[in-house]
N, C-alpha and C. Protein backbone atom coordinates (compact mmCIF):
# COMPACT_ATOMS: atom_id res chain seq x y z
N MET A 1 64.17 143.52 -144.84
CA MET A 1 65.14 143.12 -144.27
C MET A 1 64.42 141.76 -143.96
N PRO A 2 63.95 140.40 -144.79
CA PRO A 2 62.86 138.84 -144.52
C PRO A 2 64.55 138.91 -143.13
N SER A 3 63.52 138.26 -141.97
CA SER A 3 64.27 137.57 -141.24
C SER A 3 64.34 136.31 -141.38
N ALA A 4 65.32 135.46 -141.09
CA ALA A 4 65.72 133.93 -141.21
C ALA A 4 65.11 133.51 -140.47
N PRO A 5 64.07 132.07 -141.23
CA PRO A 5 62.42 131.39 -139.81
C PRO A 5 63.34 130.05 -138.84
N PRO A 6 62.88 130.66 -137.64
CA PRO A 6 63.43 130.15 -136.35
C PRO A 6 64.06 129.30 -135.98
N PRO A 7 65.38 128.27 -135.76
CA PRO A 7 65.59 126.63 -136.42
C PRO A 7 64.35 125.60 -135.68
N PRO A 8 64.43 124.80 -136.38
CA PRO A 8 62.37 123.75 -135.94
C PRO A 8 63.06 123.35 -134.07
N ALA A 9 62.30 123.36 -133.21
CA ALA A 9 62.03 122.67 -132.46
C ALA A 9 63.05 121.44 -132.54
N PRO A 10 63.73 120.59 -131.03
CA PRO A 10 64.14 119.85 -130.76
C PRO A 10 63.43 119.12 -130.85
N ASP A 11 62.73 117.77 -131.43
CA ASP A 11 62.14 116.07 -130.95
C ASP A 11 62.69 115.95 -129.58
N PRO A 12 62.21 115.55 -128.54
CA PRO A 12 62.56 115.13 -127.64
C PRO A 12 63.06 113.58 -127.69
N ALA A 13 61.81 113.20 -128.17
CA ALA A 13 62.04 111.48 -127.98
C ALA A 13 63.28 111.25 -129.17
N GLY A 14 63.71 111.62 -130.48
CA GLY A 14 64.45 111.55 -130.94
C GLY A 14 66.06 112.00 -130.00
N VAL A 15 66.03 113.08 -129.87
CA VAL A 15 67.28 113.62 -129.07
C VAL A 15 67.88 112.59 -127.73
N VAL A 16 66.56 111.83 -127.06
CA VAL A 16 66.28 110.72 -125.69
C VAL A 16 67.10 109.88 -126.93
N ARG A 17 66.15 109.39 -127.47
CA ARG A 17 67.20 107.89 -129.09
C ARG A 17 69.02 108.51 -128.87
N ALA A 18 68.91 109.70 -130.23
CA ALA A 18 70.38 109.80 -130.39
C ALA A 18 71.02 109.69 -129.27
N THR A 19 71.38 110.46 -127.67
CA THR A 19 72.07 110.80 -126.97
C THR A 19 71.93 108.66 -126.75
N SER A 20 70.64 107.93 -126.59
CA SER A 20 71.03 106.57 -125.89
C SER A 20 71.80 105.98 -127.06
N LEU A 21 71.89 105.71 -127.87
CA LEU A 21 72.42 105.29 -128.90
C LEU A 21 74.29 105.92 -128.94
N ALA A 22 74.43 107.25 -128.77
CA ALA A 22 75.54 108.43 -128.37
C ALA A 22 76.81 106.99 -127.64
N ARG A 23 75.40 106.81 -125.85
CA ARG A 23 76.41 106.03 -124.79
C ARG A 23 76.53 104.34 -125.34
N THR A 24 75.91 104.20 -126.35
CA THR A 24 75.71 102.77 -126.25
C THR A 24 77.35 102.38 -126.80
N THR A 25 77.44 103.45 -128.22
CA THR A 25 78.50 103.55 -128.94
C THR A 25 79.87 103.49 -128.19
N LEU A 26 80.01 104.70 -126.64
CA LEU A 26 80.96 104.37 -126.39
C LEU A 26 80.70 103.45 -125.37
N LEU A 27 80.54 102.63 -124.94
CA LEU A 27 79.81 101.37 -124.24
C LEU A 27 81.41 100.15 -125.09
N LEU A 28 80.40 100.79 -126.08
CA LEU A 28 81.17 99.16 -127.10
C LEU A 28 82.79 99.76 -127.60
N LEU A 29 83.34 100.75 -127.24
CA LEU A 29 84.30 101.26 -127.73
C LEU A 29 84.88 100.90 -126.98
N LEU A 30 84.67 101.69 -125.09
CA LEU A 30 85.22 100.75 -124.04
C LEU A 30 85.61 99.42 -124.09
N GLY A 31 84.50 98.63 -124.33
CA GLY A 31 84.74 97.27 -124.25
C GLY A 31 85.52 96.60 -125.70
N GLY A 32 85.98 96.94 -126.82
CA GLY A 32 86.51 96.98 -127.55
C GLY A 32 87.59 97.28 -127.00
N LEU A 33 88.27 98.05 -126.29
CA LEU A 33 89.57 98.47 -125.53
C LEU A 33 90.10 97.58 -124.37
N VAL A 34 89.31 97.45 -124.12
CA VAL A 34 89.64 96.24 -122.68
C VAL A 34 89.46 94.57 -123.33
N VAL A 35 88.84 94.61 -124.74
CA VAL A 35 89.42 93.15 -125.22
C VAL A 35 90.97 93.27 -125.76
N THR A 36 90.96 94.37 -126.22
CA THR A 36 92.67 94.51 -126.60
C THR A 36 93.76 94.09 -125.97
N VAL A 37 93.14 93.60 -124.78
CA VAL A 37 94.33 92.72 -123.77
C VAL A 37 94.39 91.51 -123.46
N LEU A 38 93.41 90.93 -124.17
CA LEU A 38 93.61 89.46 -123.95
C LEU A 38 94.63 89.23 -125.32
N PRO A 39 94.97 88.28 -124.70
CA PRO A 39 96.03 87.07 -125.73
C PRO A 39 95.49 87.17 -127.51
N THR A 40 95.98 87.05 -128.38
CA THR A 40 96.17 87.25 -129.73
C THR A 40 95.04 87.11 -130.17
N PRO A 41 94.39 85.63 -130.48
CA PRO A 41 93.42 85.88 -131.70
C PRO A 41 92.12 86.67 -130.79
N TRP A 42 92.11 86.30 -129.51
CA TRP A 42 91.09 87.01 -128.84
C TRP A 42 90.95 88.58 -129.08
N GLY A 43 92.13 88.98 -128.70
CA GLY A 43 92.39 90.58 -129.18
C GLY A 43 91.43 90.87 -130.09
N LEU A 44 91.64 90.23 -131.01
CA LEU A 44 90.89 90.85 -132.33
C LEU A 44 89.73 90.91 -132.12
N ALA A 45 88.61 90.42 -131.90
CA ALA A 45 87.43 90.48 -131.02
C ALA A 45 86.73 92.24 -131.15
N ALA A 46 88.17 92.85 -130.68
CA ALA A 46 88.11 94.39 -130.58
C ALA A 46 87.36 94.77 -132.13
N ILE A 47 88.04 94.20 -132.98
CA ILE A 47 87.54 95.03 -134.57
C ILE A 47 86.13 94.96 -134.55
N GLY A 48 85.48 93.99 -134.51
CA GLY A 48 84.03 93.61 -134.23
C GLY A 48 83.38 95.07 -132.77
N PHE A 49 83.73 94.74 -132.24
CA PHE A 49 83.33 96.26 -130.93
C PHE A 49 83.54 97.50 -132.02
N ALA A 50 84.45 97.62 -132.66
CA ALA A 50 84.39 98.95 -133.54
C ALA A 50 84.25 98.81 -134.34
N VAL A 51 83.73 97.79 -135.13
CA VAL A 51 82.43 97.83 -136.64
C VAL A 51 80.84 98.41 -136.02
N ILE A 52 81.13 97.35 -135.08
CA ILE A 52 79.02 97.71 -134.64
C ILE A 52 79.28 98.91 -134.32
N ALA A 53 80.61 99.61 -133.38
CA ALA A 53 80.45 100.77 -132.34
C ALA A 53 80.77 101.97 -133.46
N MET A 54 80.79 101.88 -134.86
CA MET A 54 80.97 102.19 -135.93
C MET A 54 79.14 102.68 -136.67
N VAL A 55 78.45 101.09 -136.28
CA VAL A 55 77.39 101.24 -137.13
C VAL A 55 76.44 102.41 -136.10
N VAL A 56 76.59 101.85 -135.31
CA VAL A 56 75.60 102.35 -133.86
C VAL A 56 76.15 103.82 -133.85
N GLY A 57 77.47 104.53 -134.14
CA GLY A 57 77.71 105.45 -133.89
C GLY A 57 76.73 106.38 -135.15
N ALA A 58 77.62 105.80 -136.24
CA ALA A 58 76.35 106.20 -137.72
C ALA A 58 75.39 106.79 -137.27
N ARG A 59 74.52 106.02 -136.68
CA ARG A 59 73.09 105.99 -136.43
C ARG A 59 72.58 106.92 -135.45
N ALA A 60 73.33 107.06 -134.86
CA ALA A 60 73.19 108.11 -133.29
C ALA A 60 73.60 109.21 -134.45
N VAL A 61 74.56 109.80 -134.84
CA VAL A 61 74.46 110.75 -135.66
C VAL A 61 73.94 111.60 -136.85
N LEU A 62 72.47 110.40 -137.52
CA LEU A 62 71.89 110.96 -138.23
C LEU A 62 70.03 110.80 -137.00
N VAL A 63 70.63 109.93 -136.07
CA VAL A 63 69.17 110.05 -135.43
C VAL A 63 68.84 111.62 -135.03
N ALA A 64 70.49 111.98 -134.22
CA ALA A 64 70.61 113.04 -133.10
C ALA A 64 70.56 114.16 -134.59
N TRP A 65 70.86 114.11 -136.54
CA TRP A 65 70.42 115.47 -136.81
C TRP A 65 69.57 114.87 -137.47
N ARG A 66 68.36 114.61 -137.54
CA ARG A 66 66.82 114.46 -138.20
C ARG A 66 66.17 115.13 -136.65
N ALA A 67 66.96 114.78 -135.91
CA ALA A 67 65.88 115.34 -133.76
C ALA A 67 65.92 117.01 -134.63
N HIS A 68 66.88 117.16 -134.90
CA HIS A 68 67.53 118.51 -134.84
C HIS A 68 68.02 119.01 -133.43
N ALA A 69 69.00 117.83 -132.80
CA ALA A 69 68.73 117.44 -131.47
C ALA A 69 70.56 119.16 -131.43
N GLY A 70 71.37 119.45 -131.63
CA GLY A 70 72.17 120.50 -131.98
C GLY A 70 73.29 119.75 -131.57
N THR A 71 74.69 120.61 -131.89
CA THR A 71 76.12 120.44 -131.56
C THR A 71 75.74 119.01 -129.57
N GLN A 72 75.63 119.99 -128.66
CA GLN A 72 75.55 118.93 -127.75
C GLN A 72 75.06 117.35 -127.84
N VAL A 73 74.48 117.14 -128.92
CA VAL A 73 74.33 115.85 -129.46
C VAL A 73 75.01 115.09 -130.35
N VAL A 74 75.20 115.68 -131.59
CA VAL A 74 75.85 115.18 -132.39
C VAL A 74 77.30 115.55 -132.53
N ALA A 75 77.75 116.38 -132.28
CA ALA A 75 79.13 116.59 -131.56
C ALA A 75 79.86 115.31 -131.65
N PRO A 76 79.24 115.08 -130.02
CA PRO A 76 80.40 114.09 -129.68
C PRO A 76 79.15 112.74 -129.86
N ALA A 77 78.05 112.28 -129.94
CA ALA A 77 78.46 111.29 -131.58
C ALA A 77 79.04 110.59 -132.77
N LEU A 78 79.60 112.10 -133.09
CA LEU A 78 80.52 112.57 -134.22
C LEU A 78 81.67 111.89 -134.36
N MET A 79 82.32 112.66 -132.70
CA MET A 79 83.35 112.28 -132.55
C MET A 79 83.28 110.51 -131.83
N LEU A 80 82.19 110.10 -131.61
CA LEU A 80 82.98 108.48 -130.92
C LEU A 80 82.32 107.48 -132.41
N THR A 81 81.50 108.16 -133.61
CA THR A 81 81.92 107.51 -134.48
C THR A 81 83.51 107.41 -135.23
N VAL A 82 83.87 108.70 -135.60
CA VAL A 82 85.04 108.81 -136.25
C VAL A 82 85.83 107.89 -135.32
N SER A 83 85.83 108.34 -133.92
CA SER A 83 86.48 106.92 -132.69
C SER A 83 87.38 105.84 -133.81
N ALA A 84 85.40 105.53 -133.77
CA ALA A 84 84.88 103.86 -133.71
C ALA A 84 85.75 103.50 -135.10
N THR A 85 86.01 104.53 -136.88
CA THR A 85 85.88 104.26 -137.25
C THR A 85 87.84 103.87 -137.37
N LEU A 86 88.42 104.84 -137.10
CA LEU A 86 89.91 104.70 -136.18
C LEU A 86 90.31 103.32 -135.44
N GLY A 87 89.00 103.13 -134.65
CA GLY A 87 89.82 101.73 -134.19
C GLY A 87 89.29 100.39 -135.03
N VAL A 88 88.67 100.57 -136.24
CA VAL A 88 88.40 99.49 -137.46
C VAL A 88 89.91 99.73 -138.80
N ALA A 89 89.73 100.68 -138.40
CA ALA A 89 91.53 100.87 -139.85
C ALA A 89 92.41 100.03 -138.92
N LEU A 90 92.98 100.84 -137.15
CA LEU A 90 93.64 100.05 -136.55
C LEU A 90 93.87 98.79 -136.47
N GLY A 91 92.66 98.27 -136.02
CA GLY A 91 92.10 96.76 -135.74
C GLY A 91 92.67 96.20 -137.46
N THR A 92 92.49 96.84 -138.22
CA THR A 92 92.00 95.57 -139.38
C THR A 92 94.12 95.63 -139.62
N PHE A 93 94.85 96.92 -139.22
CA PHE A 93 96.40 96.89 -140.27
C PHE A 93 96.62 95.97 -138.49
N SER A 94 96.71 95.54 -137.70
CA SER A 94 96.51 94.27 -136.27
C SER A 94 97.01 92.96 -136.94
N LEU A 95 95.40 92.57 -138.61
CA LEU A 95 95.11 91.38 -138.98
C LEU A 95 97.42 91.19 -139.88
N TYR A 96 96.69 92.44 -140.40
CA TYR A 96 99.01 91.99 -141.16
C TYR A 96 99.66 91.36 -140.22
N LEU A 97 99.78 92.18 -139.18
CA LEU A 97 100.91 91.97 -137.97
C LEU A 97 100.70 90.56 -137.21
N LEU A 98 99.46 89.89 -137.72
CA LEU A 98 98.92 88.23 -136.68
C LEU A 98 99.79 87.19 -136.83
N PRO A 99 100.36 86.97 -138.14
CA PRO A 99 101.39 86.21 -137.85
C PRO A 99 102.68 86.27 -136.96
N ILE A 100 103.41 87.47 -137.31
CA ILE A 100 104.11 87.88 -136.34
C ILE A 100 104.11 87.80 -134.74
N GLN A 101 102.67 88.60 -134.77
CA GLN A 101 102.09 88.85 -132.80
C GLN A 101 102.17 87.00 -132.49
N MET A 102 102.04 85.65 -133.15
CA MET A 102 101.32 85.24 -132.87
C MET A 102 102.50 83.74 -132.87
N SER A 103 103.51 84.39 -133.57
CA SER A 103 104.81 83.66 -132.78
C SER A 103 105.43 83.84 -131.46
N TYR A 104 105.44 85.03 -131.84
CA TYR A 104 106.06 86.07 -130.86
C TYR A 104 105.59 85.18 -129.41
N GLN A 105 104.27 85.30 -129.51
CA GLN A 105 103.63 84.94 -128.59
C GLN A 105 103.42 83.56 -127.78
N GLU A 106 103.44 82.30 -129.32
CA GLU A 106 103.80 81.08 -128.43
C GLU A 106 105.73 81.34 -128.68
N CYS A 107 106.32 81.78 -129.35
CA CYS A 107 107.98 81.97 -128.31
C CYS A 107 107.92 81.90 -126.81
N GLN A 108 107.44 83.27 -126.20
CA GLN A 108 107.13 83.53 -125.20
C GLN A 108 106.95 82.72 -124.01
N GLU A 109 105.41 81.55 -124.55
CA GLU A 109 104.92 81.02 -123.86
C GLU A 109 105.82 80.23 -123.23
N SER A 110 106.84 79.94 -124.20
CA SER A 110 107.50 78.63 -124.57
C SER A 110 108.78 78.49 -123.82
N ALA A 111 109.18 79.71 -123.57
CA ALA A 111 110.52 80.64 -122.91
C ALA A 111 110.34 80.05 -122.08
N LEU A 112 111.56 79.05 -121.29
CA LEU A 112 111.66 78.62 -119.94
C LEU A 112 112.67 79.93 -119.18
N THR A 113 114.10 80.56 -120.00
CA THR A 113 114.67 81.29 -119.44
C THR A 113 114.87 82.51 -119.99
N GLN A 114 114.96 82.92 -119.18
CA GLN A 114 115.87 84.78 -119.83
C GLN A 114 116.24 84.44 -121.05
N ALA A 115 116.94 83.86 -120.94
CA ALA A 115 117.75 83.78 -122.45
C ALA A 115 117.15 83.38 -123.62
N ALA A 116 116.06 82.49 -123.26
CA ALA A 116 115.10 82.48 -124.41
C ALA A 116 114.10 83.55 -124.23
N GLN A 117 113.46 84.25 -123.75
CA GLN A 117 112.77 85.19 -123.86
C GLN A 117 113.65 87.18 -124.71
N ASN A 118 114.84 86.75 -124.32
CA ASN A 118 115.43 87.57 -125.00
C ASN A 118 115.80 87.35 -126.80
N ALA A 119 115.61 86.22 -126.52
CA ALA A 119 115.61 85.85 -127.89
C ALA A 119 114.46 85.67 -128.76
N CYS A 120 113.19 85.52 -128.03
CA CYS A 120 111.94 85.70 -128.67
C CYS A 120 111.98 86.90 -129.38
N THR A 121 111.83 87.92 -128.21
CA THR A 121 112.35 89.47 -128.66
C THR A 121 112.85 89.95 -129.58
N THR A 122 114.24 89.49 -129.92
CA THR A 122 115.20 89.42 -131.03
C THR A 122 114.61 89.49 -132.04
N ALA A 123 113.80 88.03 -132.17
CA ALA A 123 113.36 87.68 -133.35
C ALA A 123 112.30 88.36 -133.87
N TYR A 124 111.20 88.72 -132.82
CA TYR A 124 110.06 89.66 -133.32
C TYR A 124 110.66 90.97 -133.84
N GLN A 125 112.12 91.77 -132.89
CA GLN A 125 112.22 92.84 -133.76
C GLN A 125 112.63 92.67 -134.87
N GLN A 126 113.46 91.31 -135.35
CA GLN A 126 113.63 91.02 -136.62
C GLN A 126 112.44 91.43 -137.51
N ASP A 127 111.59 90.48 -137.42
CA ASP A 127 110.83 90.14 -138.01
C ASP A 127 109.59 91.19 -138.22
N LEU A 128 109.83 92.54 -137.54
CA LEU A 128 109.07 93.29 -137.73
C LEU A 128 109.73 94.32 -138.42
N ALA A 129 111.37 94.41 -138.07
CA ALA A 129 112.05 95.29 -139.37
C ALA A 129 112.18 94.99 -141.23
N ALA A 130 111.58 93.83 -140.80
CA ALA A 130 111.37 92.69 -142.34
C ALA A 130 109.96 93.13 -142.80
N LEU A 131 109.40 93.22 -142.19
CA LEU A 131 107.67 94.03 -142.30
C LEU A 131 107.70 95.42 -142.94
N GLN A 132 108.74 95.79 -141.81
CA GLN A 132 108.62 97.62 -142.15
C GLN A 132 109.36 97.74 -143.71
N THR A 133 110.56 96.89 -143.89
CA THR A 133 111.33 96.72 -145.07
C THR A 133 110.47 96.63 -146.53
N ARG A 134 109.52 95.13 -146.37
CA ARG A 134 108.83 95.07 -147.47
C ARG A 134 107.64 95.48 -147.47
N LEU A 135 107.30 96.82 -146.17
CA LEU A 135 106.17 97.79 -146.69
C LEU A 135 106.67 98.91 -146.97
N GLN A 136 108.05 99.13 -146.88
CA GLN A 136 108.46 100.05 -148.09
C GLN A 136 108.86 100.21 -149.45
N ASN A 137 109.43 98.64 -149.38
CA ASN A 137 109.50 98.15 -151.08
C ASN A 137 108.27 97.49 -151.95
N GLY A 138 107.19 98.57 -151.10
CA GLY A 138 105.54 98.34 -151.74
C GLY A 138 105.21 96.70 -152.27
N GLY A 139 105.59 95.86 -151.02
CA GLY A 139 104.74 94.73 -151.67
C GLY A 139 105.17 93.66 -150.12
């Protein structure tokens, strides 16, 4: 019975490059996470971080695969890429909520009393409920 040929040896330069790209992907994801706490229009920059992380992460997976880096490099790069893709999806959905979030933020900034802040929260919850109803009705 013939034996299988040995797997190709990893390319050290490719492994280093893939590891560097995976590290960059992680830093981009962390940067996007930090940006999400900024007020509403600025927090949307997290979508840009996620898109760039998705591209860099896909490149890391490709470089690691071509370098025969093994699962210790390919798997984390792939998981980071999937995380970035989910970040893009969630960020894109947040664009749908942007008018409601902006209205709530403006209301909270102009509210001088606790009653006014409570009214803002009530209006926000009503707007979210109306949006949920529209989405459930297909539109």
